[in-house]
Protein backbone atom coordinates (compact mmCIF):
# COMPACT_ATOMS: atom_id res chain seq x y z
CA UNK A 1 108.93 47.24 184.90
CA UNK A 2 109.12 49.50 182.07
CA UNK A 3 108.32 53.14 182.40
CA UNK A 4 105.15 54.60 180.98
CA UNK A 5 107.36 56.45 178.15
CA UNK A 6 109.19 53.23 177.21
CA UNK A 7 105.88 51.34 177.01
CA UNK A 8 104.14 54.09 174.73
CA UNK A 9 107.24 53.54 172.54
CA UNK A 10 107.14 49.97 172.62
CA UNK A 11 103.34 49.93 171.56
CA UNK A 12 103.98 52.41 168.74
CA UNK A 13 106.59 49.97 167.26
CA UNK A 14 104.20 46.95 167.32
CA UNK A 15 103.05 47.27 164.01
CA UNK A 16 106.48 46.46 162.80
CA UNK A 17 106.50 43.10 163.76
CA UNK A 18 102.60 42.18 163.56
CA UNK A 19 102.08 41.72 159.90
CA UNK A 20 98.55 40.49 160.20
CA UNK A 21 95.51 40.77 162.57
CA UNK A 22 95.21 37.71 164.61
CA UNK A 23 91.88 35.69 164.68
CA UNK A 24 88.92 36.36 167.49
CA UNK A 25 90.16 32.84 168.59
CA UNK A 26 93.36 33.69 169.29
CA UNK A 27 92.14 36.76 171.19
CA UNK A 28 89.84 34.95 173.25
CA UNK A 29 92.36 32.26 174.05
CA UNK A 30 94.61 35.02 175.26
CA UNK A 31 91.99 36.39 177.50
CA UNK A 32 91.61 32.94 178.98
CA UNK A 33 95.14 32.71 179.92
CA UNK A 34 95.03 35.96 181.44
CA UNK A 35 92.13 34.75 183.47
CA UNK A 36 89.13 36.37 181.59
CA UNK A 37 89.82 39.52 183.41
CA UNK A 38 86.46 41.77 183.47
CA UNK A 39 84.45 39.17 182.36
CA UNK A 40 81.69 39.29 185.12
CA UNK A 41 81.50 43.23 184.41
CA UNK A 42 78.43 44.82 182.68
CA UNK A 43 79.64 45.70 179.19
CA UNK A 44 78.10 48.23 176.66
CA UNK A 45 79.39 47.49 173.28
CA UNK A 46 79.52 50.36 170.81
CA UNK A 47 80.14 50.29 167.10
CA UNK A 48 79.50 52.81 164.30
CA UNK A 49 81.23 55.13 161.98
CA UNK A 50 80.82 58.36 163.64
CA UNK A 51 79.75 59.26 167.29
CA UNK A 52 81.02 56.15 169.19
CA UNK A 53 83.28 58.10 171.47
CA UNK A 54 80.53 60.84 172.04
CA UNK A 55 77.88 58.37 172.87
CA UNK A 56 80.17 56.57 175.29
CA UNK A 57 81.17 60.01 177.04
CA UNK A 58 77.36 60.72 177.49
CA UNK A 59 76.54 57.38 178.99
CA UNK A 60 79.74 57.50 181.36
CA UNK A 61 78.53 60.90 182.68
CA UNK A 62 74.87 59.52 183.26
CA UNK A 63 76.05 56.24 185.02
CA UNK A 64 78.72 58.09 186.94
CA UNK A 65 75.85 60.53 188.11
CA UNK A 66 74.06 57.50 189.51
CA UNK A 67 77.14 56.63 191.62
CA UNK A 68 78.67 53.69 189.50
CA UNK A 69 82.30 53.20 188.64
CA UNK A 70 82.43 53.36 184.73
CA UNK A 71 85.43 52.25 182.54
CA UNK A 72 85.51 53.61 179.16
CA UNK A 73 87.91 52.00 176.25
CA UNK A 74 88.08 54.24 173.14
CA UNK A 75 90.25 55.44 170.37
CA UNK A 76 92.24 56.95 169.19
CA UNK A 77 94.00 59.08 171.76
CA UNK A 78 94.72 62.83 171.32
CA UNK A 79 97.87 63.38 173.27
CA UNK A 80 98.85 60.45 175.71
CA UNK A 81 97.88 56.72 175.34
CA UNK A 82 96.31 56.20 178.57
CA UNK A 83 93.68 58.40 177.45
CA UNK A 84 92.09 55.29 175.91
CA UNK A 85 91.46 53.91 179.31
CA UNK A 86 89.41 56.04 181.62
CA UNK A 87 87.29 55.40 184.75
CA UNK A 88 84.67 57.93 185.06
CA UNK A 89 86.19 60.12 182.33
CA UNK A 90 89.68 60.31 183.87
CA UNK A 91 92.62 58.69 182.03
CA UNK A 92 94.00 56.02 184.19
CA UNK A 93 97.33 56.54 186.10
CA UNK A 94 100.50 55.73 184.40
CA UNK A 95 101.39 53.04 187.17
CA UNK A 96 98.05 51.18 186.28
CA UNK A 97 98.69 51.37 182.60
CA UNK A 98 102.32 50.03 183.03
CA UNK A 99 100.90 47.32 185.40
CA UNK A 100 98.49 45.99 182.78
CA UNK A 101 101.09 46.22 179.86
CA UNK A 102 103.23 43.88 182.09
CA UNK A 103 100.60 41.51 182.85
CA UNK A 104 99.91 40.93 179.15
CA UNK A 105 103.67 40.81 178.21
CA UNK A 106 104.29 38.17 181.05
CA UNK A 107 102.07 35.87 179.14
CA UNK A 108 103.01 36.11 175.75
CA UNK A 109 105.35 33.04 175.83
CA UNK A 110 102.39 30.68 177.22
CA UNK A 111 100.20 32.11 174.41
CA UNK A 112 102.71 30.95 171.77
CA UNK A 113 102.96 27.59 173.46
CA UNK A 114 99.32 27.16 173.68
CA UNK A 115 98.40 28.39 170.13
CA UNK A 116 101.37 26.58 168.54
CA UNK A 117 102.46 29.64 166.97
CA UNK A 118 106.28 30.66 167.84
CA UNK A 119 105.88 34.29 166.54
CA UNK A 120 102.56 35.40 168.00
CA UNK A 121 102.13 38.87 169.15
CA UNK A 122 99.01 40.68 169.85
CA UNK A 123 98.49 43.70 167.29
CA UNK A 124 98.86 47.20 168.74
CA UNK A 125 94.97 47.16 168.98
CA UNK A 126 94.62 43.81 170.36
CA UNK A 127 97.27 44.56 173.01
CA UNK A 128 95.59 47.51 174.23
CA UNK A 129 92.15 45.82 174.64
CA UNK A 130 93.62 43.26 176.79
CA UNK A 131 95.33 45.68 178.81
CA UNK A 132 91.84 47.60 178.97
CA UNK A 133 90.14 44.31 180.41
CA UNK A 134 92.95 44.06 183.06
CA UNK A 135 92.65 47.76 184.14
CA UNK A 136 89.05 47.67 184.42
CA UNK A 137 89.30 44.23 186.67
CA UNK A 138 91.96 45.91 188.65
CA UNK A 139 89.89 48.99 189.11
CA UNK A 140 86.66 46.87 189.87
CA UNK A 141 84.52 49.16 187.79
CA UNK A 142 80.69 48.33 187.50
CA UNK A 143 80.25 49.11 183.82
CA UNK A 144 82.42 49.15 180.90
CA UNK A 145 81.93 51.03 177.75
CA UNK A 146 83.56 49.03 175.02
CA UNK A 147 84.28 51.10 171.86
CA UNK A 148 85.04 48.69 168.70
CA UNK A 149 88.32 49.82 166.79
CA UNK A 150 87.55 48.99 163.33
CA UNK A 151 84.03 47.57 161.93
CA UNK A 152 82.66 45.02 164.69
CA UNK A 153 82.54 41.54 163.52
CA UNK A 154 86.12 40.95 163.38
CA UNK A 155 87.15 43.58 165.95
CA UNK A 156 89.03 42.42 168.86
CA UNK A 157 86.49 43.74 171.32
CA UNK A 158 84.00 41.22 169.73
CA UNK A 159 85.50 38.45 171.89
CA UNK A 160 83.25 39.84 174.91
CA UNK A 161 80.44 37.25 175.03
CA UNK A 162 77.59 38.57 177.30
CA UNK A 163 77.23 42.34 176.85
CA UNK A 164 74.31 44.11 178.63
CA UNK A 165 73.57 46.14 175.55
CA UNK A 166 75.05 46.76 172.11
CA UNK A 167 74.88 50.24 170.39
CA UNK A 168 75.16 51.12 166.79
CA UNK A 169 75.82 54.88 166.05
CA UNK A 170 75.68 56.65 162.69
CA UNK A 171 77.03 54.51 159.92
CA UNK A 172 78.80 56.16 157.05
CA UNK A 173 81.10 55.59 154.15
CA UNK A 174 84.75 55.20 155.93
CA UNK A 175 87.52 52.66 155.96
CA UNK A 176 85.92 51.11 152.82
CA UNK A 177 89.10 48.77 152.03
CA UNK A 178 88.07 46.88 155.19
CA UNK A 179 84.37 47.15 155.50
CA UNK A 180 82.89 47.31 151.99
CA UNK A 181 81.92 50.01 149.49
CA UNK A 182 78.25 50.14 150.41
CA UNK A 183 76.45 51.28 153.28
CA UNK A 184 74.59 47.80 153.64
CA UNK A 185 78.03 46.04 153.91
CA UNK A 186 79.50 48.25 156.42
CA UNK A 187 76.23 48.12 158.39
CA UNK A 188 76.86 44.09 158.17
CA UNK A 189 80.12 44.27 159.74
CA UNK A 190 78.97 46.76 162.41
CA UNK A 191 75.91 44.60 163.28
CA UNK A 192 78.35 41.69 163.82
CA UNK A 193 78.67 42.63 167.45
CA UNK A 194 74.93 41.81 167.91
CA UNK A 195 74.58 38.51 170.65
CA UNK A 196 71.55 36.59 171.49
CA UNK A 197 70.00 37.80 174.43
CA UNK A 198 71.24 41.29 174.13
CA UNK A 199 68.90 44.42 172.92
CA UNK A 200 70.46 46.86 170.55
CA UNK A 201 70.10 50.64 170.28
CA UNK A 202 70.90 51.81 166.67
CA UNK A 203 70.76 55.10 164.97
CA UNK A 204 67.95 55.29 162.53
CA UNK A 205 69.41 57.61 159.74
CA UNK A 206 69.97 55.56 156.58
CA UNK A 207 67.51 53.19 155.41
CA UNK A 208 70.14 50.76 153.88
CA UNK A 209 71.62 50.49 157.38
CA UNK A 210 68.43 50.24 159.52
CA UNK A 211 67.17 47.31 157.08
CA UNK A 212 70.35 45.16 157.67
CA UNK A 213 70.17 46.25 161.40
CA UNK A 214 66.80 44.94 161.86
CA UNK A 215 67.13 41.89 159.88
CA UNK A 216 70.09 40.84 162.00
CA UNK A 217 68.17 41.43 164.99
CA UNK A 218 65.40 39.42 163.93
CA UNK A 219 67.65 36.55 163.02
CA UNK A 220 68.95 36.57 166.62
CA UNK A 221 65.78 37.30 168.22
CA UNK A 222 66.88 40.33 170.03
CA UNK A 223 64.96 43.69 170.25
CA UNK A 224 66.12 46.67 168.41
CA UNK A 225 65.45 50.11 169.32
CA UNK A 226 65.88 53.01 166.88
CA UNK A 227 66.85 56.60 167.47
CA UNK A 228 65.65 58.75 164.52
CA UNK A 229 65.41 62.59 163.95
CA UNK A 230 61.91 62.42 165.01
CA UNK A 231 63.20 61.58 168.49
CA UNK A 232 64.54 64.85 169.30
CA UNK A 233 62.74 67.90 168.48
CA UNK A 234 62.66 71.77 169.66
CA UNK A 235 66.43 71.94 169.21
CA UNK A 236 67.57 75.34 170.38
CA UNK A 237 71.19 76.70 169.76
CA UNK A 238 72.77 79.02 172.57
CA UNK A 239 75.92 80.53 172.76
CA UNK A 240 77.39 77.94 174.65
CA UNK A 241 74.97 75.09 174.52
CA UNK A 242 72.08 73.24 172.81
CA UNK A 243 68.70 72.53 174.36
CA UNK A 244 66.26 70.10 172.85
CA UNK A 245 63.56 67.73 173.51
CA UNK A 246 63.99 63.80 173.85
CA UNK A 247 61.18 61.52 172.92
CA UNK A 248 61.35 59.17 175.92
CA UNK A 249 59.81 55.91 175.67
CA UNK A 250 58.41 56.31 179.44
CA UNK A 251 58.13 60.05 180.10
CA UNK A 252 56.74 61.28 176.72
CA UNK A 253 59.31 64.02 176.19
CA UNK A 254 62.36 65.07 178.41
CA UNK A 255 64.20 68.37 177.99
CA UNK A 256 67.83 67.87 177.52
CA UNK A 257 70.74 70.34 177.33
CA UNK A 258 74.23 69.32 175.86
CA UNK A 259 77.20 71.62 176.74
CA UNK A 260 78.15 72.27 173.12
CA UNK A 261 77.81 74.06 169.95
CA UNK A 262 78.07 70.76 167.72
CA UNK A 263 74.47 70.25 166.66
CA UNK A 264 75.40 66.52 165.93
CA UNK A 265 75.72 66.06 169.44
CA UNK A 266 71.88 65.98 169.83
CA UNK A 267 71.80 62.87 167.86
CA UNK A 268 74.66 61.29 170.01
CA UNK A 269 73.00 62.19 173.32
CA UNK A 270 69.67 60.96 172.27
CA UNK A 271 71.24 57.74 171.46
CA UNK A 272 72.79 57.68 174.89
CA UNK A 273 69.57 58.52 176.55
CA UNK A 274 67.65 55.63 174.72
CA UNK A 275 70.29 53.13 176.07
CA UNK A 276 69.67 54.28 179.52
CA UNK A 277 66.06 53.60 179.00
CA UNK A 278 66.78 49.88 177.35
CA UNK A 279 69.14 49.34 180.46
CA UNK A 280 66.30 49.68 182.84
CA UNK A 281 68.81 50.02 185.66
CA UNK A 282 66.79 51.16 188.48
CA UNK A 283 69.43 52.88 190.28
CA UNK A 284 69.62 55.47 187.26
CA UNK A 285 66.88 58.26 187.58
CA UNK A 286 65.38 60.84 185.27
CA UNK A 287 67.56 63.42 187.04
CA UNK A 288 70.92 61.37 186.60
CA UNK A 289 70.05 61.33 182.89
CA UNK A 290 69.41 64.99 182.73
CA UNK A 291 72.37 65.98 184.75
CA UNK A 292 74.69 63.39 183.39
CA UNK A 293 73.90 64.63 179.67
CA UNK A 294 74.32 68.52 180.70
CA UNK A 295 77.74 67.79 182.34
CA UNK A 296 79.47 65.65 179.57
CA UNK A 297 82.46 66.90 178.19
CA UNK A 298 84.15 65.13 175.21
CA UNK A 299 87.46 66.51 173.89
CA UNK A 300 88.06 67.26 170.03
CA UNK A 301 84.29 67.66 169.31
CA UNK A 302 83.66 71.19 168.71
CA UNK A 303 85.89 71.88 171.97
CA UNK A 304 86.60 75.35 172.68
CA UNK A 305 90.18 75.56 173.87
CA UNK A 306 90.31 79.30 174.02
CA UNK A 307 88.06 82.10 173.34
CA UNK A 308 86.72 81.60 169.86
CA UNK A 309 88.93 78.55 169.00
CA UNK A 310 87.46 75.22 168.31
CA UNK A 311 88.78 71.58 167.79
CA UNK A 312 86.70 69.21 165.90
CA UNK A 313 87.63 65.78 165.11
CA UNK A 314 85.60 65.32 162.03
CA UNK A 315 87.76 63.06 159.56
CA UNK A 316 85.16 61.92 156.95
CA UNK A 317 82.40 63.01 154.77
CA UNK A 318 79.50 62.64 157.18
CA UNK A 319 81.35 63.96 160.02
CA UNK A 320 82.37 67.11 157.70
CA UNK A 321 78.69 67.59 156.73
CA UNK A 322 77.70 67.65 160.57
CA UNK A 323 80.47 70.37 161.15
CA UNK A 324 79.35 72.49 158.41
CA UNK A 325 75.88 72.48 159.67
CA UNK A 326 77.17 73.64 163.12
CA UNK A 327 79.53 76.26 161.63
CA UNK A 328 76.55 77.46 159.40
CA UNK A 329 74.53 78.00 162.59
CA UNK A 330 76.90 79.47 164.90
CA UNK A 331 76.77 83.22 166.42
CA UNK A 332 80.10 84.53 164.87
CA UNK A 333 80.30 88.21 164.60
CA UNK A 334 83.41 88.30 163.22
CA UNK A 335 85.32 86.35 160.45
CA UNK A 336 85.90 82.63 160.56
CA UNK A 337 89.07 80.88 159.89
CA UNK A 338 89.86 77.00 159.57
CA UNK A 339 93.04 75.09 160.04
CA UNK A 340 92.97 71.93 157.92
CA UNK A 341 94.76 68.42 157.63
CA UNK A 342 94.00 65.07 157.11
CA UNK A 343 95.47 61.53 156.40
CA UNK A 344 95.93 59.96 153.06
CA UNK A 345 93.50 57.08 153.16
CA UNK A 346 90.59 59.64 153.73
CA UNK A 347 88.56 60.86 150.82
CA UNK A 348 89.91 64.23 151.54
CA UNK A 349 88.85 65.83 148.00
CA UNK A 350 85.10 64.94 148.84
CA UNK A 351 85.67 66.58 152.57
CA UNK A 352 87.24 69.84 151.28
CA UNK A 353 84.60 70.00 148.47
CA UNK A 354 81.74 69.87 151.37
CA UNK A 355 83.82 72.39 153.52
CA UNK A 356 83.96 75.03 150.30
CA UNK A 357 80.35 74.66 149.09
CA UNK A 358 79.54 77.27 151.39
CA UNK A 359 81.76 80.66 151.69
CA UNK A 360 81.81 79.97 155.37
CA UNK A 361 85.67 80.54 156.08
CA UNK A 362 87.43 83.85 154.98
CA UNK A 363 90.83 81.71 154.99
CA UNK A 364 91.97 78.13 155.51
CA UNK A 365 95.44 77.39 156.72
CA UNK A 366 96.46 74.08 155.30
CA UNK A 367 99.08 71.99 156.85
CA UNK A 368 100.83 68.31 156.78
CA UNK A 369 100.46 66.13 159.86
CA UNK A 370 103.23 64.93 161.98
CA UNK A 371 102.28 61.39 160.93
CA UNK A 372 103.26 58.56 158.71
CA UNK A 373 99.64 58.12 157.33
CA UNK A 374 99.84 62.26 156.57
CA UNK A 375 98.26 63.35 153.33
CA UNK A 376 101.22 65.62 151.42
CA UNK A 377 100.96 69.06 151.18
CA UNK A 378 101.23 69.06 147.44
CA UNK A 379 97.86 66.94 147.26
CA UNK A 380 96.37 69.07 149.68
CA UNK A 381 97.17 72.18 147.92
CA UNK A 382 95.91 70.71 144.84
CA UNK A 383 92.38 70.21 146.08
CA UNK A 384 92.18 73.60 147.64
CA UNK A 385 93.25 75.07 144.44
CA UNK A 386 90.41 73.15 142.84
CA UNK A 387 87.64 74.11 145.34
CA UNK A 388 88.54 77.13 147.62
CA UNK A 389 88.98 80.15 144.95
CA UNK A 390 92.36 80.96 146.54
CA UNK A 391 91.31 81.53 149.95
CA UNK A 392 93.82 79.42 151.56
CA UNK A 393 97.61 79.27 152.60
CA UNK A 394 99.95 76.43 152.90
CA UNK A 395 102.35 75.57 156.19
CA UNK A 396 104.67 72.89 156.35
CA UNK A 397 103.91 72.60 160.09
CA UNK A 398 100.83 72.66 162.06
CA UNK A 399 102.30 74.95 164.77
CA UNK A 400 103.29 77.49 162.40
CA UNK A 401 99.74 77.32 160.72
CA UNK A 402 98.32 77.63 164.25
CA UNK A 403 100.53 80.56 165.07
CA UNK A 404 99.73 82.67 161.83
CA UNK A 405 95.85 82.25 162.63
CA UNK A 406 95.98 83.25 166.02
CA UNK A 407 98.15 86.20 165.33
CA UNK A 408 95.37 87.35 162.89
CA UNK A 409 92.50 86.78 164.87
CA UNK A 410 90.25 89.42 166.23
CA UNK A 411 88.31 89.29 169.23
CA UNK A 412 85.16 88.31 167.49
CA UNK A 413 86.62 86.03 164.85
CA UNK A 414 86.40 82.20 165.32
CA UNK A 415 89.06 79.70 164.27
CA UNK A 416 88.02 75.93 163.54
CA UNK A 417 90.82 73.47 163.44
CA UNK A 418 89.47 70.14 161.50
CA UNK A 419 89.89 67.18 159.47
CA UNK A 420 91.72 64.78 161.66
CA UNK A 421 91.80 63.66 165.30
CA UNK A 422 95.49 63.54 164.77
CA UNK A 423 95.61 67.36 163.95
CA UNK A 424 93.33 67.72 167.22
CA UNK A 425 96.16 66.00 169.21
CA UNK A 426 98.99 67.90 167.62
CA UNK A 427 97.31 71.01 168.65
CA UNK A 428 96.37 69.74 172.26
CA UNK A 429 100.06 68.84 172.58
CA UNK A 430 101.30 72.19 171.31
CA UNK A 431 99.22 74.16 173.70
CA UNK A 432 100.05 71.65 176.48
CA UNK A 433 103.88 72.38 175.67
CA UNK A 434 103.39 76.06 175.75
CA UNK A 435 101.67 76.03 179.11
CA UNK A 436 104.75 73.88 180.51
CA UNK A 437 107.04 76.64 179.06
């Protein structure tokens, strides 16, 4: 059996010899060859542009409070690939990761023979999904929180046939080259995960998306439960958390607390709370809901990694707007600094324009990601030159930019690291190395 590190290296090399996505029929056939692992588990299938991981994290915490074993499949990872497979919030062990990988690889020759395709190989994401199903079968979880990779209709996760619930989080403009260039088109792709007999909970934020979701639900004859801004009121931001009232379908209003400064998590926690209500799982009580929401921690979403230093994974226009809203409401008594980078295929000009619309940051350190998809320093410099009025410095490496900001930070200052989950991962890996040293 290969070691965990060898498997990581192999998985990262997979895109080099899988030139196109396989069909859903291919993935379904491979699942059959594997014995349809985890097919009897209760699956909650989650799609959306922003908030998928956060909603899954809240659901995982609440169901865990009720005593359930909960598997969570999410992407991307921040530092280690096994972070994509969690059991009650904890990444699976390296040995379990390696076992699942070996089980899949051992069946590829059979899949090639059955499919009549001698060059068949799962894509990177397909391989991880197949591994996840094996892991959650092996770990005998009660629930699986299954986050789509891209879109929904054609996503490998959409081979799951009988989820107990489907969820659509906030829909925005992202991955337009694959999903369409309007909110309606993107919503069509996300709503492709709906199944007959399975209710849906969705974020009721954009009229165009809501119309598509409701129409698709009507065609399938399924119930659709919206969560809109009117469902959470009396939002109170404190130093380390946010209190708010959630409009319950059964209890009128429930007072909930999220342990974060990120205002957008009120919406995500409310979506998760509605999911719990729609599930009608008699084992999950009101106390499990309130305690599970309160105890939820989700890395890279306004995560305070040291006093006054926050990691934020916002990586598209809507995410950046939500980030700016939270920063505008913070209790910073000193200066605010930002570390920014992103990938080439994002609309980073719009992201920077939104970040610089208000004079929130005294200085921004701009850097290039250590990633093949990274936006170039020259391009990022040009955008900041256009919008930031000179309040920026450019660094070739994220480590140098982070060190520079830390050296200049005073006790009451805040540093925000934003623009990409890859950047969040780089900073986390850097801090881990420094701790190990």
